[in-house]
């Protein structure tokens, strides 16, 4: 069976930086409260012309440039997003058009909210293994400010905009571990963007935090086991960037004593499906991990869906 590998990681963020002090002028909150509760100091907000597909395209171009490849080599585009305002066409088709991919690339969107990116990576990996693709562009892109209630101080301090991407290619060896994915149906309403709620993001943050506290370490160990690795083998851990109080303790809880932990949430906020590739791309720019280094990816979100795998760095 054909394997797959990540050959490049890239990202895009809007220019506008929004510090906690700006949110203090909008709702009843404080910089101290936000940092203590979730660890965020600032985030990026997109402008009117920076739509989901525009940001996805820019992340894709950054990734292609890093790979030294061109768009005409791509035969599959997957975009993970929960904030696209248009139901059709899918964002992946728009990105393929914006990139000028010739021929007839397969295009699809994935919506499992914040866990969308590792789901999309797994689908691309499976497509390559099945012979349905040889070069897959996987993007997480979100404009959460379009679905944010800026009167709700519990959620508007979290959300942000941005995009990140992986480029996957077929390889004789497998460089991505089997995915571990699932959901917790009884917590399906814990993270929501529903018509009855004005199409705005809402969540039961306490329920999500409680679930991650008790279940995340166990599931992370299962992901590592499926890769036939030990926690101390990990070079890095990149979780969905939701809350620093969830992110920082995990390495110690699972015994990943050698792992660098991505904490991009502090300066990028919560970008939902974009947060994992965005955080990994920025980490790689600041402190590059060696080629072949094993990195744990794991995300959780609406549904309550979750997914994770271990990739080898380009």
Protein backbone atom coordinates (compact mmCIF):
# COMPACT_ATOMS: atom_id res chain seq x y z
CA UNK A 1 0.00 0.00 0.00
CA UNK A 2 1.27 3.48 -0.87
CA UNK A 3 2.36 5.63 2.05
CA UNK A 4 2.20 9.40 2.40
CA UNK A 5 4.29 12.15 3.91
CA UNK A 6 3.96 15.82 4.73
CA UNK A 7 6.40 17.68 2.46
CA UNK A 8 5.64 21.24 3.62
CA UNK A 9 3.70 23.22 6.23
CA UNK A 10 2.59 26.82 5.71
CA UNK A 11 0.25 29.45 7.05
CA UNK A 12 -1.34 32.87 6.70
CA UNK A 13 -2.55 35.39 9.28
CA UNK A 14 -4.28 38.73 8.80
CA UNK A 15 -2.25 41.81 9.64
CA UNK A 16 -4.63 43.22 12.25
CA UNK A 17 -3.45 42.36 15.75
CA UNK A 18 -6.11 42.66 18.47
CA UNK A 19 -4.72 42.79 22.01
CA UNK A 20 -6.82 42.03 25.06
CA UNK A 21 -6.88 45.74 25.84
CA UNK A 22 -9.03 46.34 22.76
CA UNK A 23 -11.58 43.78 23.94
CA UNK A 24 -11.72 45.60 27.27
CA UNK A 25 -13.39 48.48 25.39
CA UNK A 26 -16.00 46.17 23.82
CA UNK A 27 -17.23 43.91 26.63
CA UNK A 28 -16.84 43.57 30.38
CA UNK A 29 -13.52 41.76 30.56
CA UNK A 30 -9.87 42.36 31.37
CA UNK A 31 -6.47 41.35 30.12
CA UNK A 32 -5.81 39.61 33.45
CA UNK A 33 -9.04 37.60 33.27
CA UNK A 34 -8.48 36.47 29.66
CA UNK A 35 -4.89 35.41 30.24
CA UNK A 36 -5.77 33.62 33.47
CA UNK A 37 -8.71 31.75 31.94
CA UNK A 38 -7.36 30.80 28.49
CA UNK A 39 -3.85 32.22 28.11
CA UNK A 40 -4.57 34.49 25.14
CA UNK A 41 -2.70 37.83 24.98
CA UNK A 42 -3.68 38.83 21.44
CA UNK A 43 -5.26 37.45 18.30
CA UNK A 44 -5.60 38.30 14.58
CA UNK A 45 -8.83 39.49 12.97
CA UNK A 46 -9.39 39.46 9.23
CA UNK A 47 -10.56 42.40 7.16
CA UNK A 48 -13.71 42.45 4.98
CA UNK A 49 -11.87 41.11 1.92
CA UNK A 50 -10.03 38.38 3.80
CA UNK A 51 -12.57 35.62 3.39
CA UNK A 52 -12.10 31.95 4.24
CA UNK A 53 -11.08 31.02 0.70
CA UNK A 54 -8.75 34.04 0.35
CA UNK A 55 -6.90 33.13 3.54
CA UNK A 56 -6.85 29.46 2.53
CA UNK A 57 -5.28 30.38 -0.81
CA UNK A 58 -2.57 32.45 0.89
CA UNK A 59 -1.72 29.61 3.26
CA UNK A 60 -1.61 27.25 0.27
CA UNK A 61 0.78 29.52 -1.63
CA UNK A 62 3.09 29.71 1.39
CA UNK A 63 3.06 25.92 1.65
CA UNK A 64 3.74 25.38 -2.06
CA UNK A 65 6.62 27.84 -1.93
CA UNK A 66 8.18 25.98 1.01
CA UNK A 67 7.77 22.67 -0.83
CA UNK A 68 9.25 24.05 -4.05
CA UNK A 69 6.19 22.76 -5.89
CA UNK A 70 3.50 24.27 -8.11
CA UNK A 71 -0.27 24.13 -8.04
CA UNK A 72 -0.48 22.02 -11.20
CA UNK A 73 0.90 19.06 -9.22
CA UNK A 74 -2.10 18.99 -6.85
CA UNK A 75 -4.90 16.51 -7.53
CA UNK A 76 -6.84 16.78 -4.25
CA UNK A 77 -7.80 19.84 -2.18
CA UNK A 78 -9.46 19.50 1.22
CA UNK A 79 -10.46 22.51 3.31
CA UNK A 80 -11.41 22.09 6.96
CA UNK A 81 -13.63 24.94 8.11
CA UNK A 82 -16.75 25.68 10.14
CA UNK A 83 -16.98 29.39 9.36
CA UNK A 84 -17.61 29.50 5.62
CA UNK A 85 -20.75 31.58 5.20
CA UNK A 86 -21.65 30.11 1.80
CA UNK A 87 -23.09 26.61 1.64
CA UNK A 88 -22.04 26.15 -1.98
CA UNK A 89 -19.67 26.01 -3.73
CA UNK A 90 -17.31 24.41 -1.26
CA UNK A 91 -14.26 26.39 -0.19
CA UNK A 92 -11.91 23.77 -1.63
CA UNK A 93 -13.30 24.32 -5.13
CA UNK A 94 -12.85 28.07 -4.73
CA UNK A 95 -9.27 27.57 -3.55
CA UNK A 96 -8.53 25.27 -6.48
CA UNK A 97 -9.83 27.97 -8.82
CA UNK A 98 -7.87 30.72 -7.09
CA UNK A 99 -4.70 28.65 -7.33
CA UNK A 100 -5.33 27.92 -10.99
CA UNK A 101 -5.09 24.16 -10.59
CA UNK A 102 -5.62 22.70 -14.09
CA UNK A 103 -7.54 19.58 -14.97
CA UNK A 104 -10.09 18.15 -12.59
CA UNK A 105 -8.78 18.07 -9.00
CA UNK A 106 -11.00 16.50 -6.37
CA UNK A 107 -12.25 19.14 -3.92
CA UNK A 108 -14.14 18.83 -0.65
CA UNK A 109 -14.76 20.64 2.62
CA UNK A 110 -14.68 18.99 6.04
CA UNK A 111 -16.67 20.39 8.96
CA UNK A 112 -15.99 18.86 12.33
CA UNK A 113 -15.32 22.36 13.69
CA UNK A 114 -12.05 22.60 15.63
CA UNK A 115 -11.06 18.98 14.96
CA UNK A 116 -11.42 19.37 11.21
CA UNK A 117 -7.74 19.50 10.31
CA UNK A 118 -6.56 16.10 11.60
CA UNK A 119 -9.73 14.60 10.10
CA UNK A 120 -8.79 16.16 6.75
CA UNK A 121 -5.19 14.94 6.98
CA UNK A 122 -6.46 11.39 7.56
CA UNK A 123 -8.84 11.58 4.59
CA UNK A 124 -6.00 12.79 2.35
CA UNK A 125 -3.75 10.01 3.66
CA UNK A 126 -6.44 7.43 2.92
CA UNK A 127 -6.99 8.83 -0.58
CA UNK A 128 -3.27 8.52 -1.32
CA UNK A 129 -3.18 4.96 0.06
CA UNK A 130 -6.14 4.03 -2.13
CA UNK A 131 -4.48 5.43 -5.25
CA UNK A 132 -7.07 8.19 -5.60
CA UNK A 133 -4.50 10.96 -5.10
CA UNK A 134 -0.77 11.50 -5.33
CA UNK A 135 -0.48 15.10 -4.10
CA UNK A 136 -3.01 16.49 -1.63
CA UNK A 137 -3.35 20.04 -0.33
CA UNK A 138 -4.96 20.03 3.12
CA UNK A 139 -5.98 23.41 4.54
CA UNK A 140 -7.54 24.59 7.76
CA UNK A 141 -9.05 28.05 7.30
CA UNK A 142 -11.36 30.02 9.55
CA UNK A 143 -12.88 33.46 9.80
CA UNK A 144 -14.43 32.99 13.20
CA UNK A 145 -15.09 36.70 13.55
CA UNK A 146 -17.92 36.19 11.04
CA UNK A 147 -19.66 33.85 13.50
CA UNK A 148 -18.76 35.60 16.77
CA UNK A 149 -21.24 37.26 19.11
CA UNK A 150 -19.31 40.35 20.19
CA UNK A 151 -21.68 40.90 23.10
CA UNK A 152 -20.77 37.55 24.67
CA UNK A 153 -17.67 38.06 26.76
CA UNK A 154 -17.15 34.32 27.27
CA UNK A 155 -16.64 33.60 23.57
CA UNK A 156 -15.64 36.81 21.79
CA UNK A 157 -12.34 36.90 23.71
CA UNK A 158 -11.41 33.53 22.18
CA UNK A 159 -12.06 33.73 18.47
CA UNK A 160 -9.63 34.66 15.74
CA UNK A 161 -8.95 34.27 12.02
CA UNK A 162 -6.26 32.60 9.95
CA UNK A 163 -5.26 29.60 7.87
CA UNK A 164 -2.66 26.86 7.77
CA UNK A 165 -1.89 24.07 5.32
CA UNK A 166 -0.04 20.81 4.75
CA UNK A 167 1.06 19.42 1.40
CA UNK A 168 0.98 15.62 1.33
CA UNK A 169 2.55 13.43 -1.35
CA UNK A 170 2.66 9.71 -2.04
CA UNK A 171 5.74 7.95 -0.71
CA UNK A 172 7.03 4.35 -0.60
CA UNK A 173 7.16 4.66 3.20
CA UNK A 174 4.37 5.73 5.55
CA UNK A 175 5.21 8.91 7.45
CA UNK A 176 1.78 9.49 9.02
CA UNK A 177 0.43 7.19 11.71
CA UNK A 178 -3.07 5.69 11.64
CA UNK A 179 -5.62 8.24 12.73
CA UNK A 180 -7.51 7.85 15.97
CA UNK A 181 -10.84 9.57 15.62
CA UNK A 182 -14.23 9.50 17.25
CA UNK A 183 -16.85 11.61 19.00
CA UNK A 184 -18.74 11.97 22.26
CA UNK A 185 -22.39 12.19 21.14
CA UNK A 186 -23.69 13.13 24.58
CA UNK A 187 -21.56 16.28 24.36
CA UNK A 188 -22.67 17.04 20.83
CA UNK A 189 -24.14 20.40 21.85
CA UNK A 190 -21.10 21.55 23.80
CA UNK A 191 -19.74 23.53 20.82
CA UNK A 192 -22.31 25.06 18.47
CA UNK A 193 -22.89 27.39 15.54
CA UNK A 194 -26.62 26.97 15.02
CA UNK A 195 -29.30 28.84 13.10
CA UNK A 196 -31.38 28.99 16.28
CA UNK A 197 -28.49 30.82 17.91
CA UNK A 198 -28.21 33.39 15.15
CA UNK A 199 -25.43 31.42 13.42
CA UNK A 200 -23.05 32.51 16.17
CA UNK A 201 -20.46 30.46 18.02
CA UNK A 202 -21.50 29.27 21.47
CA UNK A 203 -20.10 26.65 23.78
CA UNK A 204 -20.32 24.97 27.14
CA UNK A 205 -16.71 25.71 27.97
CA UNK A 206 -16.88 24.00 31.35
CA UNK A 207 -18.05 20.70 29.81
CA UNK A 208 -15.32 20.79 27.14
CA UNK A 209 -12.65 21.62 29.71
CA UNK A 210 -13.80 18.81 31.99
CA UNK A 211 -13.73 16.31 29.10
CA UNK A 212 -10.23 17.32 28.05
CA UNK A 213 -8.98 17.13 31.64
CA UNK A 214 -10.13 13.55 32.15
CA UNK A 215 -10.07 12.05 28.65
CA UNK A 216 -7.40 13.83 26.60
CA UNK A 217 -4.34 12.18 28.22
CA UNK A 218 -5.79 8.69 27.71
CA UNK A 219 -6.70 9.33 24.07
CA UNK A 220 -3.33 10.97 23.35
CA UNK A 221 -1.59 7.83 24.64
CA UNK A 222 -3.75 5.73 22.31
CA UNK A 223 -2.65 7.87 19.34
CA UNK A 224 0.97 7.31 20.33
CA UNK A 225 0.38 3.55 20.74
CA UNK A 226 -1.16 3.34 17.25
CA UNK A 227 2.07 4.86 15.90
CA UNK A 228 4.14 2.21 17.76
CA UNK A 229 5.97 4.96 19.62
CA UNK A 230 6.51 5.91 23.25
CA UNK A 231 5.65 9.35 24.67
CA UNK A 232 9.34 10.16 25.14
CA UNK A 233 9.86 9.68 21.38
CA UNK A 234 7.77 12.75 20.56
CA UNK A 235 9.64 15.82 19.35
CA UNK A 236 6.61 18.09 19.59
CA UNK A 237 2.95 18.22 20.55
CA UNK A 238 0.54 20.42 18.60
CA UNK A 239 -2.95 20.45 20.07
CA UNK A 240 -5.93 22.45 18.92
CA UNK A 241 -5.09 25.90 20.27
CA UNK A 242 -8.14 26.42 22.47
CA UNK A 243 -6.88 27.04 25.98
CA UNK A 244 -3.38 27.23 27.44
CA UNK A 245 -4.65 25.47 30.58
CA UNK A 246 -5.47 22.44 28.41
CA UNK A 247 -2.37 22.61 26.22
CA UNK A 248 0.48 23.08 28.69
CA UNK A 249 -0.14 20.18 31.14
CA UNK A 250 -0.56 17.43 28.54
CA UNK A 251 3.13 16.65 27.92
CA UNK A 252 3.73 16.01 31.61
CA UNK A 253 0.52 13.99 31.96
CA UNK A 254 1.51 11.57 29.18
CA UNK A 255 5.26 11.51 29.87
CA UNK A 256 6.35 13.33 26.69
CA UNK A 257 9.45 14.64 28.42
CA UNK A 258 11.30 15.58 25.22
CA UNK A 259 8.44 17.25 23.38
CA UNK A 260 8.20 20.93 22.50
CA UNK A 261 4.62 22.06 23.12
CA UNK A 262 3.08 24.53 20.68
CA UNK A 263 1.45 27.41 22.56
CA UNK A 264 0.48 29.66 19.66
CA UNK A 265 -2.90 30.30 21.31
CA UNK A 266 -1.20 33.06 23.30
CA UNK A 267 -0.64 35.22 20.22
CA UNK A 268 -3.10 33.81 17.66
CA UNK A 269 -6.18 33.02 19.74
CA UNK A 270 -8.53 30.18 18.84
CA UNK A 271 -8.63 29.67 15.07
CA UNK A 272 -10.61 26.41 15.19
CA UNK A 273 -9.66 24.12 12.26
CA UNK A 274 -6.75 26.38 11.31
CA UNK A 275 -5.06 26.24 14.69
CA UNK A 276 -2.94 23.07 14.29
CA UNK A 277 -1.27 23.83 10.94
CA UNK A 278 -0.96 27.50 11.90
CA UNK A 279 0.74 26.64 15.19
CA UNK A 280 3.05 24.05 13.63
CA UNK A 281 4.06 26.32 10.76
CA UNK A 282 4.91 29.16 13.14
CA UNK A 283 6.77 26.79 15.46
CA UNK A 284 8.81 25.52 12.51
CA UNK A 285 9.75 29.07 11.55
CA UNK A 286 10.84 30.00 15.08
CA UNK A 287 12.55 26.76 16.17
CA UNK A 288 12.77 24.27 13.29
CA UNK A 289 12.24 20.62 14.12
CA UNK A 290 14.54 18.15 12.33
CA UNK A 291 13.28 16.27 9.30
CA UNK A 292 11.60 13.05 10.34
CA UNK A 293 10.87 14.25 13.88
CA UNK A 294 7.59 12.75 15.19
CA UNK A 295 4.91 15.30 16.07
CA UNK A 296 1.61 14.54 17.77
CA UNK A 297 -1.38 16.36 16.30
CA UNK A 298 -4.68 16.27 18.20
CA UNK A 299 -7.85 18.33 18.07
CA UNK A 300 -11.35 18.31 19.52
CA UNK A 301 -14.40 20.37 18.65
CA UNK A 302 -18.07 20.42 17.74
CA UNK A 303 -19.76 17.09 17.85
CA UNK A 304 -17.82 16.54 20.28
CA UNK A 305 -15.59 15.15 17.52
CA UNK A 306 -11.90 14.49 17.99
CA UNK A 307 -9.02 13.20 15.88
CA UNK A 308 -5.29 12.79 16.13
CA UNK A 309 -2.26 11.25 14.47
CA UNK A 310 1.51 11.49 14.48
CA UNK A 311 3.29 12.95 11.47
CA UNK A 312 6.96 13.02 10.60
CA UNK A 313 8.26 16.50 9.90
CA UNK A 314 9.32 17.39 6.33
